PDB file of all heavy atoms in Angstrom:
ATOM      1  N   ILE A   1      -6.110 -14.875  21.698  1.00  0.00           N
ATOM      2  CA  ILE A   1      -6.336 -14.192  20.447  1.00  0.00           C
ATOM      3  C   ILE A   1      -7.517 -14.840  19.744  1.00  0.00           C
ATOM      4  O   ILE A   1      -7.614 -16.069  19.625  1.00  0.00           O
ATOM      5  CB  ILE A   1      -5.122 -14.242  19.493  1.00  0.00           C
ATOM      6  CG1 ILE A   1      -3.864 -13.681  20.213  1.00  0.00           C
ATOM      7  CG2 ILE A   1      -5.392 -13.439  18.221  1.00  0.00           C
ATOM      8  CD1 ILE A   1      -2.606 -13.892  19.456  1.00  0.00           C
ATOM      9  N   THR A   2      -8.447 -14.026  19.290  1.00  0.00           N
ATOM     10  CA  THR A   2      -9.566 -14.482  18.468  1.00  0.00           C
ATOM     11  C   THR A   2      -9.436 -13.911  17.071  1.00  0.00           C
ATOM     12  O   THR A   2      -9.273 -12.679  16.902  1.00  0.00           O
ATOM     13  CB  THR A   2     -10.918 -14.042  19.049  1.00  0.00           C
ATOM     14  OG1 THR A   2     -11.062 -14.619  20.382  1.00  0.00           O
ATOM     15  CG2 THR A   2     -12.086 -14.537  18.168  1.00  0.00           C
ATOM     16  N   PHE A   3      -9.491 -14.760  16.049  1.00  0.00           N
ATOM     17  CA  PHE A   3      -9.510 -14.340  14.665  1.00  0.00           C
ATOM     18  C   PHE A   3     -10.915 -14.495  14.136  1.00  0.00           C
ATOM     19  O   PHE A   3     -11.506 -15.589  14.284  1.00  0.00           O
ATOM     20  CB  PHE A   3      -8.550 -15.181  13.809  1.00  0.00           C
ATOM     21  CG  PHE A   3      -7.100 -14.940  14.095  1.00  0.00           C
ATOM     22  CD1 PHE A   3      -6.460 -15.638  15.114  1.00  0.00           C
ATOM     23  CD2 PHE A   3      -6.388 -14.050  13.343  1.00  0.00           C
ATOM     24  CE1 PHE A   3      -5.110 -15.426  15.378  1.00  0.00           C
ATOM     25  CE2 PHE A   3      -5.016 -13.793  13.560  1.00  0.00           C
ATOM     26  CZ  PHE A   3      -4.379 -14.500  14.593  1.00  0.00           C
ATOM     27  N   ILE A   4     -11.480 -13.453  13.516  1.00  0.00           N
ATOM     28  CA  ILE A   4     -12.802 -13.521  12.940  1.00  0.00           C
ATOM     29  C   ILE A   4     -12.727 -13.029  11.487  1.00  0.00           C
ATOM     30  O   ILE A   4     -12.336 -11.900  11.220  1.00  0.00           O
ATOM     31  CB  ILE A   4     -13.818 -12.658  13.727  1.00  0.00           C
ATOM     32  CG1 ILE A   4     -13.884 -13.056  15.189  1.00  0.00           C
ATOM     33  CG2 ILE A   4     -15.214 -12.764  13.069  1.00  0.00           C
ATOM     34  CD1 ILE A   4     -14.755 -12.176  16.056  1.00  0.00           C
ATOM     35  N   TYR A   5     -13.077 -13.892  10.577  1.00  0.00           N
ATOM     36  CA  TYR A   5     -13.024 -13.545   9.136  1.00  0.00           C
ATOM     37  C   TYR A   5     -13.818 -14.582   8.331  1.00  0.00           C
ATOM     38  O   TYR A   5     -13.985 -15.717   8.736  1.00  0.00           O
ATOM     39  CB  TYR A   5     -11.584 -13.458   8.638  1.00  0.00           C
ATOM     40  CG  TYR A   5     -10.775 -14.695   8.790  1.00  0.00           C
ATOM     41  CD1 TYR A   5     -10.763 -15.690   7.807  1.00  0.00           C
ATOM     42  CD2 TYR A   5      -9.995 -14.919   9.949  1.00  0.00           C
ATOM     43  CE1 TYR A   5      -9.968 -16.830   7.939  1.00  0.00           C
ATOM     44  CE2 TYR A   5      -9.220 -16.070  10.072  1.00  0.00           C
ATOM     45  CZ  TYR A   5      -9.216 -17.013   9.089  1.00  0.00           C
ATOM     46  OH  TYR A   5      -8.465 -18.171   9.259  1.00  0.00           O
ATOM     47  N   PRO A   6     -14.312 -14.153   7.151  1.00  0.00           N
ATOM     48  CA  PRO A   6     -15.025 -15.105   6.290  1.00  0.00           C
ATOM     49  C   PRO A   6     -14.025 -15.935   5.473  1.00  0.00           C
ATOM     50  O   PRO A   6     -12.856 -15.551   5.304  1.00  0.00           O
ATOM     51  CB  PRO A   6     -15.841 -14.162   5.388  1.00  0.00           C
ATOM     52  CG  PRO A   6     -14.945 -12.953   5.265  1.00  0.00           C
ATOM     53  CD  PRO A   6     -14.314 -12.781   6.631  1.00  0.00           C
ATOM     54  N   ILE A   7     -14.506 -17.077   4.983  1.00  0.00           N
ATOM     55  CA  ILE A   7     -13.724 -17.843   4.013  1.00  0.00           C
ATOM     56  C   ILE A   7     -14.144 -17.367   2.638  1.00  0.00           C
ATOM     57  O   ILE A   7     -15.301 -17.498   2.252  1.00  0.00           O
ATOM     58  CB  ILE A   7     -13.999 -19.356   4.183  1.00  0.00           C
ATOM     59  CG1 ILE A   7     -13.571 -19.864   5.553  1.00  0.00           C
ATOM     60  CG2 ILE A   7     -13.280 -20.139   3.078  1.00  0.00           C
ATOM     61  CD1 ILE A   7     -12.108 -19.748   5.827  1.00  0.00           C
ATOM     62  N   TRP A   8     -13.194 -16.822   1.890  1.00  0.00           N
ATOM     63  CA  TRP A   8     -13.440 -16.374   0.525  1.00  0.00           C
ATOM     64  C   TRP A   8     -12.503 -17.139  -0.425  1.00  0.00           C
ATOM     65  O   TRP A   8     -11.300 -17.241  -0.156  1.00  0.00           O
ATOM     66  CB  TRP A   8     -13.153 -14.883   0.378  1.00  0.00           C
ATOM     67  CG  TRP A   8     -14.223 -14.040   1.051  1.00  0.00           C
ATOM     68  CD1 TRP A   8     -15.481 -14.368   1.412  1.00  0.00           C
ATOM     69  CD2 TRP A   8     -14.079 -12.645   1.421  1.00  0.00           C
ATOM     70  NE1 TRP A   8     -16.124 -13.321   1.979  1.00  0.00           N
ATOM     71  CE2 TRP A   8     -15.306 -12.240   1.998  1.00  0.00           C
ATOM     72  CE3 TRP A   8     -13.025 -11.726   1.330  1.00  0.00           C
ATOM     73  CZ2 TRP A   8     -15.540 -10.922   2.480  1.00  0.00           C
ATOM     74  CZ3 TRP A   8     -13.264 -10.426   1.799  1.00  0.00           C
ATOM     75  CH2 TRP A   8     -14.471 -10.044   2.349  1.00  0.00           C
ATOM     76  N   TRP A   9     -13.073 -17.715  -1.467  1.00  0.00           N
ATOM     77  CA  TRP A   9     -12.283 -18.502  -2.400  1.00  0.00           C
ATOM     78  C   TRP A   9     -11.453 -19.541  -1.655  1.00  0.00           C
ATOM     79  O   TRP A   9     -10.268 -19.733  -1.868  1.00  0.00           O
ATOM     80  CB  TRP A   9     -11.404 -17.594  -3.264  1.00  0.00           C
ATOM     81  CG  TRP A   9     -12.184 -16.845  -4.288  1.00  0.00           C
ATOM     82  CD1 TRP A   9     -12.530 -15.511  -4.255  1.00  0.00           C
ATOM     83  CD2 TRP A   9     -12.724 -17.347  -5.494  1.00  0.00           C
ATOM     84  NE1 TRP A   9     -13.272 -15.188  -5.324  1.00  0.00           N
ATOM     85  CE2 TRP A   9     -13.414 -16.293  -6.121  1.00  0.00           C
ATOM     86  CE3 TRP A   9     -12.739 -18.601  -6.094  1.00  0.00           C
ATOM     87  CZ2 TRP A   9     -14.083 -16.447  -7.339  1.00  0.00           C
ATOM     88  CZ3 TRP A   9     -13.419 -18.762  -7.308  1.00  0.00           C
ATOM     89  CH2 TRP A   9     -14.063 -17.703  -7.891  1.00  0.00           C
ATOM     90  N   THR A  10     -12.091 -20.217  -0.706  1.00  0.00           N
ATOM     91  CA  THR A  10     -11.536 -21.304   0.127  1.00  0.00           C
ATOM     92  C   THR A  10     -10.282 -20.889   0.864  1.00  0.00           C
ATOM     93  O   THR A  10      -9.360 -21.705   1.078  1.00  0.00           O
ATOM     94  CB  THR A  10     -11.240 -22.574  -0.743  1.00  0.00           C
ATOM     95  OG1 THR A  10     -10.189 -22.279  -1.674  1.00  0.00           O
ATOM     96  CG2 THR A  10     -12.453 -23.020  -1.487  1.00  0.00           C
ATOM     97  N   GLY A  11     -10.217 -19.657   1.299  1.00  0.00           N
ATOM     98  CA  GLY A  11      -9.046 -19.223   2.049  1.00  0.00           C
ATOM     99  C   GLY A  11      -9.332 -17.926   2.816  1.00  0.00           C
ATOM    100  O   GLY A  11     -10.478 -17.434   2.903  1.00  0.00           O
ATOM    101  N   LEU A  12      -8.260 -17.360   3.372  1.00  0.00           N
ATOM    102  CA  LEU A  12      -8.338 -16.134   4.104  1.00  0.00           C
ATOM    103  C   LEU A  12      -8.621 -14.953   3.181  1.00  0.00           C
ATOM    104  O   LEU A  12      -8.104 -14.938   2.043  1.00  0.00           O
ATOM    105  CB  LEU A  12      -7.062 -15.816   4.875  1.00  0.00           C
ATOM    106  CG  LEU A  12      -6.711 -16.643   6.113  1.00  0.00           C
ATOM    107  CD1 LEU A  12      -6.354 -18.070   5.737  1.00  0.00           C
ATOM    108  CD2 LEU A  12      -5.543 -16.003   6.840  1.00  0.00           C
ATOM    109  N   PRO A  13      -9.404 -13.942   3.562  1.00  0.00           N
ATOM    110  CA  PRO A  13      -9.469 -12.724   2.775  1.00  0.00           C
ATOM    111  C   PRO A  13      -8.080 -12.125   2.592  1.00  0.00           C
ATOM    112  O   PRO A  13      -7.179 -12.292   3.467  1.00  0.00           O
ATOM    113  CB  PRO A  13     -10.331 -11.791   3.666  1.00  0.00           C
ATOM    114  CG  PRO A  13     -11.130 -12.712   4.569  1.00  0.00           C
ATOM    115  CD  PRO A  13     -10.204 -13.866   4.802  1.00  0.00           C
ATOM    116  N   ALA A  14      -7.862 -11.452   1.473  1.00  0.00           N
ATOM    117  CA  ALA A  14      -6.546 -10.925   1.168  1.00  0.00           C
ATOM    118  C   ALA A  14      -5.976 -10.090   2.283  1.00  0.00           C
ATOM    119  O   ALA A  14      -4.767 -10.107   2.566  1.00  0.00           O
ATOM    120  CB  ALA A  14      -6.588 -10.123  -0.159  1.00  0.00           C
ATOM    121  N   LEU A  15      -6.821  -9.302   2.914  1.00  0.00           N
ATOM    122  CA  LEU A  15      -6.364  -8.429   3.988  1.00  0.00           C
ATOM    123  C   LEU A  15      -5.845  -9.223   5.174  1.00  0.00           C
ATOM    124  O   LEU A  15      -4.775  -8.922   5.756  1.00  0.00           O
ATOM    125  CB  LEU A  15      -7.476  -7.494   4.424  1.00  0.00           C
ATOM    126  CG  LEU A  15      -7.121  -6.406   5.450  1.00  0.00           C
ATOM    127  CD1 LEU A  15      -5.907  -5.605   5.028  1.00  0.00           C
ATOM    128  CD2 LEU A  15      -8.302  -5.504   5.715  1.00  0.00           C
ATOM    129  N   MET A  16      -6.536 -10.298   5.542  1.00  0.00           N
ATOM    130  CA  MET A  16      -6.070 -11.149   6.654  1.00  0.00           C
ATOM    131  C   MET A  16      -4.824 -11.899   6.249  1.00  0.00           C
ATOM    132  O   MET A  16      -3.890 -12.041   7.051  1.00  0.00           O
ATOM    133  CB  MET A  16      -7.186 -12.096   7.076  1.00  0.00           C
ATOM    134  CG  MET A  16      -6.808 -12.996   8.260  1.00  0.00           C
ATOM    135  SD  MET A  16      -6.485 -12.094   9.785  1.00  0.00           S
ATOM    136  CE  MET A  16      -8.188 -11.760  10.330  1.00  0.00           C
ATOM    137  N   LYS A  17      -4.772 -12.393   5.029  1.00  0.00           N
ATOM    138  CA  LYS A  17      -3.587 -13.104   4.565  1.00  0.00           C
ATOM    139  C   LYS A  17      -2.357 -12.188   4.557  1.00  0.00           C
ATOM    140  O   LYS A  17      -1.266 -12.553   5.017  1.00  0.00           O
ATOM    141  CB  LYS A  17      -3.808 -13.646   3.177  1.00  0.00           C
ATOM    142  CG  LYS A  17      -2.599 -14.442   2.582  1.00  0.00           C
ATOM    143  CD  LYS A  17      -2.210 -15.624   3.469  1.00  0.00           C
ATOM    144  CE  LYS A  17      -1.251 -16.568   2.749  1.00  0.00           C
ATOM    145  NZ  LYS A  17       0.034 -15.929   2.445  1.00  0.00           N
ATOM    146  N   GLY A  18      -2.582 -10.919   4.141  1.00  0.00           N
ATOM    147  CA  GLY A  18      -1.486  -9.977   4.167  1.00  0.00           C
ATOM    148  C   GLY A  18      -1.052  -9.615   5.554  1.00  0.00           C
ATOM    149  O   GLY A  18       0.147  -9.386   5.808  1.00  0.00           O
ATOM    150  N   TYR A  19      -1.993  -9.623   6.503  1.00  0.00           N
ATOM    151  CA  TYR A  19      -1.683  -9.391   7.926  1.00  0.00           C
ATOM    152  C   TYR A  19      -0.747 -10.488   8.416  1.00  0.00           C
ATOM    153  O   TYR A  19       0.289 -10.218   9.060  1.00  0.00           O
ATOM    154  CB  TYR A  19      -2.942  -9.335   8.712  1.00  0.00           C
ATOM    155  CG  TYR A  19      -2.770  -9.064  10.211  1.00  0.00           C
ATOM    156  CD1 TYR A  19      -2.816  -7.752  10.678  1.00  0.00           C
ATOM    157  CD2 TYR A  19      -2.544 -10.094  11.108  1.00  0.00           C
ATOM    158  CE1 TYR A  19      -2.662  -7.481  12.032  1.00  0.00           C
ATOM    159  CE2 TYR A  19      -2.387  -9.801  12.479  1.00  0.00           C
ATOM    160  CZ  TYR A  19      -2.447  -8.526  12.911  1.00  0.00           C
ATOM    161  OH  TYR A  19      -2.264  -8.257  14.261  1.00  0.00           O
ATOM    162  N   ILE A  20      -1.099 -11.728   8.094  1.00  0.00           N
ATOM    163  CA  ILE A  20      -0.256 -12.872   8.471  1.00  0.00           C
ATOM    164  C   ILE A  20       1.129 -12.787   7.801  1.00  0.00           C
ATOM    165  O   ILE A  20       2.156 -12.923   8.465  1.00  0.00           O
ATOM    166  CB  ILE A  20      -0.931 -14.203   8.106  1.00  0.00           C
ATOM    167  CG1 ILE A  20      -2.285 -14.388   8.843  1.00  0.00           C
ATOM    168  CG2 ILE A  20       0.009 -15.350   8.388  1.00  0.00           C
ATOM    169  CD1 ILE A  20      -2.155 -14.471  10.326  1.00  0.00           C
ATOM    170  N   ASP A  21       1.132 -12.477   6.523  1.00  0.00           N
ATOM    171  CA  ASP A  21       2.395 -12.349   5.777  1.00  0.00           C
ATOM    172  C   ASP A  21       3.337 -11.370   6.463  1.00  0.00           C
ATOM    173  O   ASP A  21       4.556 -11.606   6.575  1.00  0.00           O
ATOM    174  CB  ASP A  21       2.159 -11.895   4.349  1.00  0.00           C
ATOM    175  CG  ASP A  21       1.546 -12.987   3.485  1.00  0.00           C
ATOM    176  OD1 ASP A  21       1.567 -14.178   3.905  1.00  0.00           O
ATOM    177  OD2 ASP A  21       1.060 -12.640   2.367  1.00  0.00           O
ATOM    178  N   ARG A  22       2.811 -10.248   6.850  1.00  0.00           N
ATOM    179  CA  ARG A  22       3.687  -9.144   7.352  1.00  0.00           C
ATOM    180  C   ARG A  22       3.927  -9.242   8.839  1.00  0.00           C
ATOM    181  O   ARG A  22       5.044  -8.977   9.314  1.00  0.00           O
ATOM    182  CB  ARG A  22       3.047  -7.788   7.032  1.00  0.00           C
ATOM    183  CG  ARG A  22       2.947  -7.504   5.500  1.00  0.00           C
ATOM    184  CD  ARG A  22       2.512  -6.068   5.279  1.00  0.00           C
ATOM    185  NE  ARG A  22       3.619  -5.141   5.661  1.00  0.00           N
ATOM    186  CZ  ARG A  22       3.408  -3.932   6.216  1.00  0.00           C
ATOM    187  NH1 ARG A  22       2.174  -3.520   6.425  1.00  0.00           N
ATOM    188  NH2 ARG A  22       4.446  -3.176   6.502  1.00  0.00           N
ATOM    189  N   VAL A  23       2.884  -9.581   9.644  1.00  0.00           N
ATOM    190  CA  VAL A  23       2.990  -9.492  11.105  1.00  0.00           C
ATOM    191  C   VAL A  23       3.590 -10.778  11.682  1.00  0.00           C
ATOM    192  O   VAL A  23       4.382 -10.729  12.630  1.00  0.00           O
ATOM    193  CB  VAL A  23       1.645  -9.199  11.722  1.00  0.00           C
ATOM    194  CG1 VAL A  23       1.701  -9.185  13.240  1.00  0.00           C
ATOM    195  CG2 VAL A  23       1.133  -7.835  11.221  1.00  0.00           C
ATOM    196  N   PHE A  24       3.252 -11.928  11.144  1.00  0.00           N
ATOM    197  CA  PHE A  24       3.774 -13.192  11.636  1.00  0.00           C
ATOM    198  C   PHE A  24       5.126 -13.428  10.998  1.00  0.00           C
ATOM    199  O   PHE A  24       5.384 -14.435  10.321  1.00  0.00           O
ATOM    200  CB  PHE A  24       2.798 -14.349  11.331  1.00  0.00           C
ATOM    201  CG  PHE A  24       1.651 -14.452  12.287  1.00  0.00           C
ATOM    202  CD1 PHE A  24       0.885 -13.329  12.611  1.00  0.00           C
ATOM    203  CD2 PHE A  24       1.297 -15.643  12.870  1.00  0.00           C
ATOM    204  CE1 PHE A  24      -0.153 -13.394  13.478  1.00  0.00           C
ATOM    205  CE2 PHE A  24       0.232 -15.745  13.750  1.00  0.00           C
ATOM    206  CZ  PHE A  24      -0.505 -14.614  14.058  1.00  0.00           C
ATOM    207  N   SER A  25       6.057 -12.557  11.277  1.00  0.00           N
ATOM    208  CA  SER A  25       7.322 -12.531  10.597  1.00  0.00           C
ATOM    209  C   SER A  25       8.359 -13.463  11.222  1.00  0.00           C
ATOM    210  O   SER A  25       8.220 -13.876  12.402  1.00  0.00           O
ATOM    211  CB  SER A  25       7.897 -11.115  10.536  1.00  0.00           C
ATOM    212  OG  SER A  25       8.071 -10.601  11.852  1.00  0.00           O
ATOM    213  N   TYR A  26       9.388 -13.749  10.447  1.00  0.00           N
ATOM    214  CA  TYR A  26      10.511 -14.562  10.958  1.00  0.00           C
ATOM    215  C   TYR A  26      11.149 -13.833  12.113  1.00  0.00           C
ATOM    216  O   TYR A  26      11.372 -12.621  12.060  1.00  0.00           O
ATOM    217  CB  TYR A  26      11.524 -14.786   9.831  1.00  0.00           C
ATOM    218  CG  TYR A  26      12.693 -15.668  10.286  1.00  0.00           C
ATOM    219  CD1 TYR A  26      12.591 -17.048  10.194  1.00  0.00           C
ATOM    220  CD2 TYR A  26      13.844 -15.094  10.827  1.00  0.00           C
ATOM    221  CE1 TYR A  26      13.620 -17.874  10.610  1.00  0.00           C
ATOM    222  CE2 TYR A  26      14.884 -15.882  11.264  1.00  0.00           C
ATOM    223  CZ  TYR A  26      14.776 -17.277  11.136  1.00  0.00           C
ATOM    224  OH  TYR A  26      15.807 -18.060  11.572  1.00  0.00           O
ATOM    225  N   GLY A  27      11.419 -14.549  13.153  1.00  0.00           N
ATOM    226  CA  GLY A  27      12.010 -13.915  14.348  1.00  0.00           C
ATOM    227  C   GLY A  27      10.981 -13.426  15.368  1.00  0.00           C
ATOM    228  O   GLY A  27      11.284 -13.152  16.523  1.00  0.00           O
ATOM    229  N   PHE A  28       9.719 -13.301  14.914  1.00  0.00           N
ATOM    230  CA  PHE A  28       8.627 -12.944  15.848  1.00  0.00           C
ATOM    231  C   PHE A  28       7.677 -14.130  16.051  1.00  0.00           C
ATOM    232  O   PHE A  28       7.383 -14.501  17.169  1.00  0.00           O
ATOM    233  CB  PHE A  28       7.840 -11.724  15.301  1.00  0.00           C
ATOM    234  CG  PHE A  28       6.620 -11.422  16.134  1.00  0.00           C
ATOM    235  CD1 PHE A  28       6.757 -10.835  17.403  1.00  0.00           C
ATOM    236  CD2 PHE A  28       5.343 -11.729  15.669  1.00  0.00           C
ATOM    237  CE1 PHE A  28       5.623 -10.588  18.168  1.00  0.00           C
ATOM    238  CE2 PHE A  28       4.207 -11.506  16.483  1.00  0.00           C
ATOM    239  CZ  PHE A  28       4.378 -10.933  17.740  1.00  0.00           C
ATOM    240  N   ALA A  29       7.140 -14.697  14.939  1.00  0.00           N
ATOM    241  CA  ALA A  29       6.166 -15.772  15.058  1.00  0.00           C
ATOM    242  C   ALA A  29       6.868 -17.146  14.958  1.00  0.00           C
ATOM    243  O   ALA A  29       6.314 -18.140  15.451  1.00  0.00           O
ATOM    244  CB  ALA A  29       5.101 -15.647  14.013  1.00  0.00           C
ATOM    245  N   TYR A  30       8.004 -17.187  14.294  1.00  0.00           N
ATOM    246  CA  TYR A  30       8.693 -18.473  14.119  1.00  0.00           C
ATOM    247  C   TYR A  30      10.163 -18.228  13.836  1.00  0.00           C
ATOM    248  O   TYR A  30      10.564 -17.110  13.495  1.00  0.00           O
ATOM    249  CB  TYR A  30       8.066 -19.299  12.988  1.00  0.00           C
ATOM    250  CG  TYR A  30       8.361 -18.697  11.624  1.00  0.00           C
ATOM    251  CD1 TYR A  30       9.338 -19.217  10.810  1.00  0.00           C
ATOM    252  CD2 TYR A  30       7.635 -17.619  11.153  1.00  0.00           C
ATOM    253  CE1 TYR A  30       9.646 -18.647   9.565  1.00  0.00           C
ATOM    254  CE2 TYR A  30       7.897 -17.047   9.906  1.00  0.00           C
ATOM    255  CZ  TYR A  30       8.902 -17.573   9.108  1.00  0.00           C
ATOM    256  OH  TYR A  30       9.151 -17.036   7.893  1.00  0.00           O
ATOM    257  N   CYS A  31      10.964 -19.264  13.963  1.00  0.00           N
ATOM    258  CA  CYS A  31      12.372 -19.174  13.586  1.00  0.00           C
ATOM    259  C   CYS A  31      12.876 -20.608  13.298  1.00  0.00           C
ATOM    260  O   CYS A  31      12.122 -21.576  13.456  1.00  0.00           O
ATOM    261  CB  CYS A  31      13.215 -18.525  14.701  1.00  0.00           C
ATOM    262  SG  CYS A  31      13.373 -19.540  16.181  1.00  0.00           S
ATOM    263  N   TYR A  32      14.095 -20.709  12.882  1.00  0.00           N
ATOM    264  CA  TYR A  32      14.722 -22.015  12.669  1.00  0.00           C
ATOM    265  C   TYR A  32      15.979 -22.085  13.530  1.00  0.00           C
ATOM    266  O   TYR A  32      16.792 -21.179  13.550  1.00  0.00           O
ATOM    267  CB  TYR A  32      15.098 -22.201  11.197  1.00  0.00           C
ATOM    268  CG  TYR A  32      13.873 -22.426  10.303  1.00  0.00           C
ATOM    269  CD1 TYR A  32      13.308 -21.325   9.654  1.00  0.00           C
ATOM    270  CD2 TYR A  32      13.304 -23.664  10.132  1.00  0.00           C
ATOM    271  CE1 TYR A  32      12.197 -21.519   8.854  1.00  0.00           C
ATOM    272  CE2 TYR A  32      12.203 -23.838   9.351  1.00  0.00           C
ATOM    273  CZ  TYR A  32      11.653 -22.772   8.693  1.00  0.00           C
ATOM    274  OH  TYR A  32      10.544 -22.938   7.901  1.00  0.00           O
ATOM    275  N   GLU A  33      16.035 -23.171  14.303  1.00  0.00           N
ATOM    276  CA  GLU A  33      17.220 -23.391  15.097  1.00  0.00           C
ATOM    277  C   GLU A  33      17.850 -24.703  14.668  1.00  0.00           C
ATOM    278  O   GLU A  33      17.273 -25.786  14.783  1.00  0.00           O
ATOM    279  CB  GLU A  33      16.869 -23.467  16.579  1.00  0.00           C
ATOM    280  CG  GLU A  33      16.358 -22.132  17.164  1.00  0.00           C
ATOM    281  CD  GLU A  33      16.030 -22.223  18.636  1.00  0.00           C
ATOM    282  OE1 GLU A  33      16.095 -23.319  19.227  1.00  0.00           O
ATOM    283  OE2 GLU A  33      15.728 -21.155  19.226  1.00  0.00           O
ATOM    284  N   GLN A  34      19.073 -24.583  14.110  1.00  0.00           N
ATOM    285  CA  GLN A  34      19.796 -25.740  13.560  1.00  0.00           C
ATOM    286  C   GLN A  34      18.933 -26.498  12.530  1.00  0.00           C
ATOM    287  O   GLN A  34      18.860 -27.726  12.529  1.00  0.00           O
ATOM    288  CB  GLN A  34      20.241 -26.653  14.674  1.00  0.00           C
ATOM    289  CG  GLN A  34      21.206 -26.000  15.652  1.00  0.00           C
ATOM    290  CD  GLN A  34      21.664 -26.939  16.784  1.00  0.00           C
ATOM    291  OE1 GLN A  34      20.991 -27.904  17.112  1.00  0.00           O
ATOM    292  NE2 GLN A  34      22.832 -26.643  17.349  1.00  0.00           N
ATOM    293  N   GLY A  35      18.245 -25.717  11.706  1.00  0.00           N
ATOM    294  CA  GLY A  35      17.414 -26.271  10.670  1.00  0.00           C
ATOM    295  C   GLY A  35      16.063 -26.782  11.073  1.00  0.00           C
ATOM    296  O   GLY A  35      15.292 -27.266  10.268  1.00  0.00           O
ATOM    297  N   ILE A  36      15.712 -26.608  12.369  1.00  0.00           N
ATOM    298  CA  ILE A  36      14.411 -27.105  12.874  1.00  0.00           C
ATOM    299  C   ILE A  36      13.498 -25.892  13.156  1.00  0.00           C
ATOM    300  O   ILE A  36      13.892 -24.963  13.860  1.00  0.00           O
ATOM    301  CB  ILE A  36      14.596 -27.948  14.167  1.00  0.00           C
ATOM    302  CG1 ILE A  36      15.480 -29.139  13.880  1.00  0.00           C
ATOM    303  CG2 ILE A  36      13.235 -28.332  14.740  1.00  0.00           C
ATOM    304  CD1 ILE A  36      15.842 -29.944  15.096  1.00  0.00           C
ATOM    305  N   GLN A  37      12.315 -25.957  12.590  1.00  0.00           N
ATOM    306  CA  GLN A  37      11.346 -24.867  12.761  1.00  0.00           C
ATOM    307  C   GLN A  37      10.851 -24.800  14.194  1.00  0.00           C
ATOM    308  O   GLN A  37      10.604 -25.825  14.833  1.00  0.00           O
ATOM    309  CB  GLN A  37      10.188 -25.044  11.793  1.00  0.00           C
ATOM    310  CG  GLN A  37       9.160 -23.887  11.819  1.00  0.00           C
ATOM    311  CD  GLN A  37       8.087 -24.113  12.890  1.00  0.00           C
ATOM    312  OE1 GLN A  37       7.836 -25.213  13.278  1.00  0.00           O
ATOM    313  NE2 GLN A  37       7.505 -23.023  13.353  1.00  0.00           N
ATOM    314  N   LYS A  38      10.692 -23.585  14.749  1.00  0.00           N
ATOM    315  CA  LYS A  38      10.229 -23.389  16.097  1.00  0.00           C
ATOM    316  C   LYS A  38       9.186 -22.264  16.128  1.00  0.00           C
ATOM    317  O   LYS A  38       9.453 -21.145  15.640  1.00  0.00           O
ATOM    318  CB  LYS A  38      11.422 -23.007  16.995  1.00  0.00           C
ATOM    319  CG  LYS A  38      11.053 -22.779  18.447  1.00  0.00           C
ATOM    320  CD  LYS A  38      12.290 -22.391  19.257  1.00  0.00           C
ATOM    321  CE  LYS A  38      11.933 -22.123  20.698  1.00  0.00           C
ATOM    322  NZ  LYS A  38      13.132 -21.703  21.482  1.00  0.00           N
ATOM    323  N   GLY A  39       8.009 -22.563  16.687  1.00  0.00           N
ATOM    324  CA  GLY A  39       7.015 -21.526  16.871  1.00  0.00           C
ATOM    325  C   GLY A  39       7.310 -20.657  18.070  1.00  0.00           C
ATOM    326  O   GLY A  39       7.698 -21.207  19.132  1.00  0.00           O
ATOM    327  N   LEU A  40       7.209 -19.368  17.927  1.00  0.00           N
ATOM    328  CA  LEU A  40       7.626 -18.433  19.000  1.00  0.00           C
ATOM    329  C   LEU A  40       6.463 -17.828  19.757  1.00  0.00           C
ATOM    330  O   LEU A  40       6.694 -17.040  20.677  1.00  0.00           O
ATOM    331  CB  LEU A  40       8.484 -17.312  18.395  1.00  0.00           C
ATOM    332  CG  LEU A  40       9.775 -17.780  17.690  1.00  0.00           C
ATOM    333  CD1 LEU A  40      10.466 -16.556  17.091  1.00  0.00           C
ATOM    334  CD2 LEU A  40      10.693 -18.504  18.657  1.00  0.00           C
TER     335      LEU A  40
END
């Protein structure tokens, strides 16, 4: 995967941040097993 985006206000553009918020969801991008975070 290649991510291409500008740095605006020292962070991700709102559209990219919203993509991460919605698409990198719990149970797809990460989960917790017995209280320990796991990347999926």
